[in-house]
Amino acid sequence: MCIAFPGMILSIDENNFAVINISGTKREACLDLLDEPVAVGDYVICHAGYAIHRIDEEDAKESLALLKEFIDHEIY
């Protein structure tokens, strides 16, 4: 099973790569697959090193809370 995670964009470089924050963990994600512009502070869904969709902040935080609950209760 594959899971994509929401993360907040912390920075974007000149090569269209972003540093994103996923629940305190920083990861790099390529923004080339997105079909709309994004900016620092936006949330994106990331999978396998690629941002695949822009998501609103409320939905992102809800998804992160649910994932945390799964981890805390070892539901995986």
C-alpha atoms as a PDB file:
ATOM      1  CA  MET A   1       0.000   0.000   0.000  1.00  0.00           C
ATOM      2  CA  CYS A   2       1.206   3.496  -0.789  1.00  0.00           C
ATOM      3  CA  ILE A   3       0.368   6.549   1.246  1.00  0.00           C
ATOM      4  CA  ALA A   4       0.755  10.179   0.257  1.00  0.00           C
ATOM      5  CA  PHE A   5       1.350  12.700   3.027  1.00  0.00           C
ATOM      6  CA  PRO A   6       0.320  16.346   3.337  1.00  0.00           C
ATOM      7  CA  GLY A   7       3.083  18.802   4.079  1.00  0.00           C
ATOM      8  CA  MET A   8       3.516  22.564   4.274  1.00  0.00           C
ATOM      9  CA  ILE A   9       5.929  24.200   1.828  1.00  0.00           C
ATOM     10  CA  LEU A  10       8.798  25.868   3.683  1.00  0.00           C
ATOM     11  CA  SER A  11      10.855  26.965   0.677  1.00  0.00           C
ATOM     12  CA  ILE A  12      11.017  26.630  -3.098  1.00  0.00           C
ATOM     13  CA  ASP A  13      14.262  26.727  -5.074  1.00  0.00           C
ATOM     14  CA  GLU A  14      15.003  27.789  -8.649  1.00  0.00           C
ATOM     15  CA  ASN A  15      14.769  24.154  -9.864  1.00  0.00           C
ATOM     16  CA  ASN A  16      11.136  23.812  -8.714  1.00  0.00           C
ATOM     17  CA  PHE A  17      11.968  21.710  -5.659  1.00  0.00           C
ATOM     18  CA  ALA A  18      10.393  22.488  -2.312  1.00  0.00           C
ATOM     19  CA  VAL A  19      11.356  21.708   1.244  1.00  0.00           C
ATOM     20  CA  ILE A  20       8.186  20.612   2.983  1.00  0.00           C
ATOM     21  CA  ASN A  21       7.323  20.015   6.622  1.00  0.00           C
ATOM     22  CA  ILE A  22       5.406  16.809   7.314  1.00  0.00           C
ATOM     23  CA  SER A  23       4.592  16.790  11.042  1.00  0.00           C
ATOM     24  CA  GLY A  24       8.007  18.155  11.967  1.00  0.00           C
ATOM     25  CA  THR A  25       9.991  16.139   9.438  1.00  0.00           C
ATOM     26  CA  LYS A  26      11.525  18.069   6.553  1.00  0.00           C
ATOM     27  CA  ARG A  27      11.561  16.441   3.116  1.00  0.00           C
ATOM     28  CA  GLU A  28      12.343  17.574  -0.397  1.00  0.00           C
ATOM     29  CA  ALA A  29       9.613  17.317  -3.031  1.00  0.00           C
ATOM     30  CA  CYS A  30       9.598  18.090  -6.731  1.00  0.00           C
ATOM     31  CA  LEU A  31       6.782  20.446  -7.752  1.00  0.00           C
ATOM     32  CA  ASP A  32       6.809  19.596 -11.479  1.00  0.00           C
ATOM     33  CA  LEU A  33       3.634  17.460 -11.383  1.00  0.00           C
ATOM     34  CA  LEU A  34       1.389  20.158  -9.917  1.00  0.00           C
ATOM     35  CA  ASP A  35      -1.143  21.725 -12.267  1.00  0.00           C
ATOM     36  CA  GLU A  36      -1.454  24.965 -10.300  1.00  0.00           C
ATOM     37  CA  PRO A  37       1.049  27.382  -8.794  1.00  0.00           C
ATOM     38  CA  VAL A  38       1.986  27.000  -5.134  1.00  0.00           C
ATOM     39  CA  ALA A  39       3.836  29.225  -2.694  1.00  0.00           C
ATOM     40  CA  VAL A  40       5.586  29.014   0.656  1.00  0.00           C
ATOM     41  CA  GLY A  41       2.945  28.272   3.290  1.00  0.00           C
ATOM     42  CA  ASP A  42       0.738  26.203   0.982  1.00  0.00           C
ATOM     43  CA  TYR A  43       0.042  22.551   1.738  1.00  0.00           C
ATOM     44  CA  VAL A  44       0.630  19.823  -0.832  1.00  0.00           C
ATOM     45  CA  ILE A  45       0.102  16.079  -0.917  1.00  0.00           C
ATOM     46  CA  CYS A  46       3.433  14.327  -1.518  1.00  0.00           C
ATOM     47  CA  HIS A  47       4.199  10.835  -2.719  1.00  0.00           C
ATOM     48  CA  ALA A  48       7.560   9.330  -3.632  1.00  0.00           C
ATOM     49  CA  GLY A  49       9.326  12.700  -3.631  1.00  0.00           C
ATOM     50  CA  TYR A  50       6.726  14.503  -5.760  1.00  0.00           C
ATOM     51  CA  ALA A  51       4.044  16.980  -4.783  1.00  0.00           C
ATOM     52  CA  ILE A  52       0.958  15.675  -6.572  1.00  0.00           C
ATOM     53  CA  HIS A  53      -1.849  17.963  -5.392  1.00  0.00           C
ATOM     54  CA  ARG A  54      -2.378  21.241  -3.544  1.00  0.00           C
ATOM     55  CA  ILE A  55      -4.613  20.824  -0.478  1.00  0.00           C
ATOM     56  CA  ASP A  56      -6.205  23.348   1.829  1.00  0.00           C
ATOM     57  CA  GLU A  57      -4.719  23.806   5.310  1.00  0.00           C
ATOM     58  CA  GLU A  58      -7.740  22.481   7.215  1.00  0.00           C
ATOM     59  CA  ASP A  59      -7.839  19.246   5.189  1.00  0.00           C
ATOM     60  CA  ALA A  60      -4.070  18.823   5.549  1.00  0.00           C
ATOM     61  CA  LYS A  61      -4.193  19.200   9.338  1.00  0.00           C
ATOM     62  CA  GLU A  62      -7.121  16.789   9.566  1.00  0.00           C
ATOM     63  CA  SER A  63      -5.217  14.182   7.519  1.00  0.00           C
ATOM     64  CA  LEU A  64      -2.068  14.616   9.616  1.00  0.00           C
ATOM     65  CA  ALA A  65      -4.075  14.193  12.836  1.00  0.00           C
ATOM     66  CA  LEU A  66      -5.629  10.988  11.500  1.00  0.00           C
ATOM     67  CA  LEU A  67      -2.228   9.603  10.471  1.00  0.00           C
ATOM     68  CA  LYS A  68      -0.849  10.447  13.934  1.00  0.00           C
ATOM     69  CA  GLU A  69      -3.753   8.574  15.525  1.00  0.00           C
ATOM     70  CA  PHE A  70      -2.986   5.512  13.371  1.00  0.00           C
ATOM     71  CA  ILE A  71       0.650   5.601  14.425  1.00  0.00           C
ATOM     72  CA  ASP A  72      -0.133   6.187  18.102  1.00  0.00           C
ATOM     73  CA  HIS A  73      -2.484   3.193  18.114  1.00  0.00           C
ATOM     74  CA  GLU A  74      -0.256   1.061  15.840  1.00  0.00           C
ATOM     75  CA  ILE A  75      -2.975   0.725  13.193  1.00  0.00           C
ATOM     76  CA  TYR A  76      -0.789  -0.058  10.192  1.00  0.00           C
END
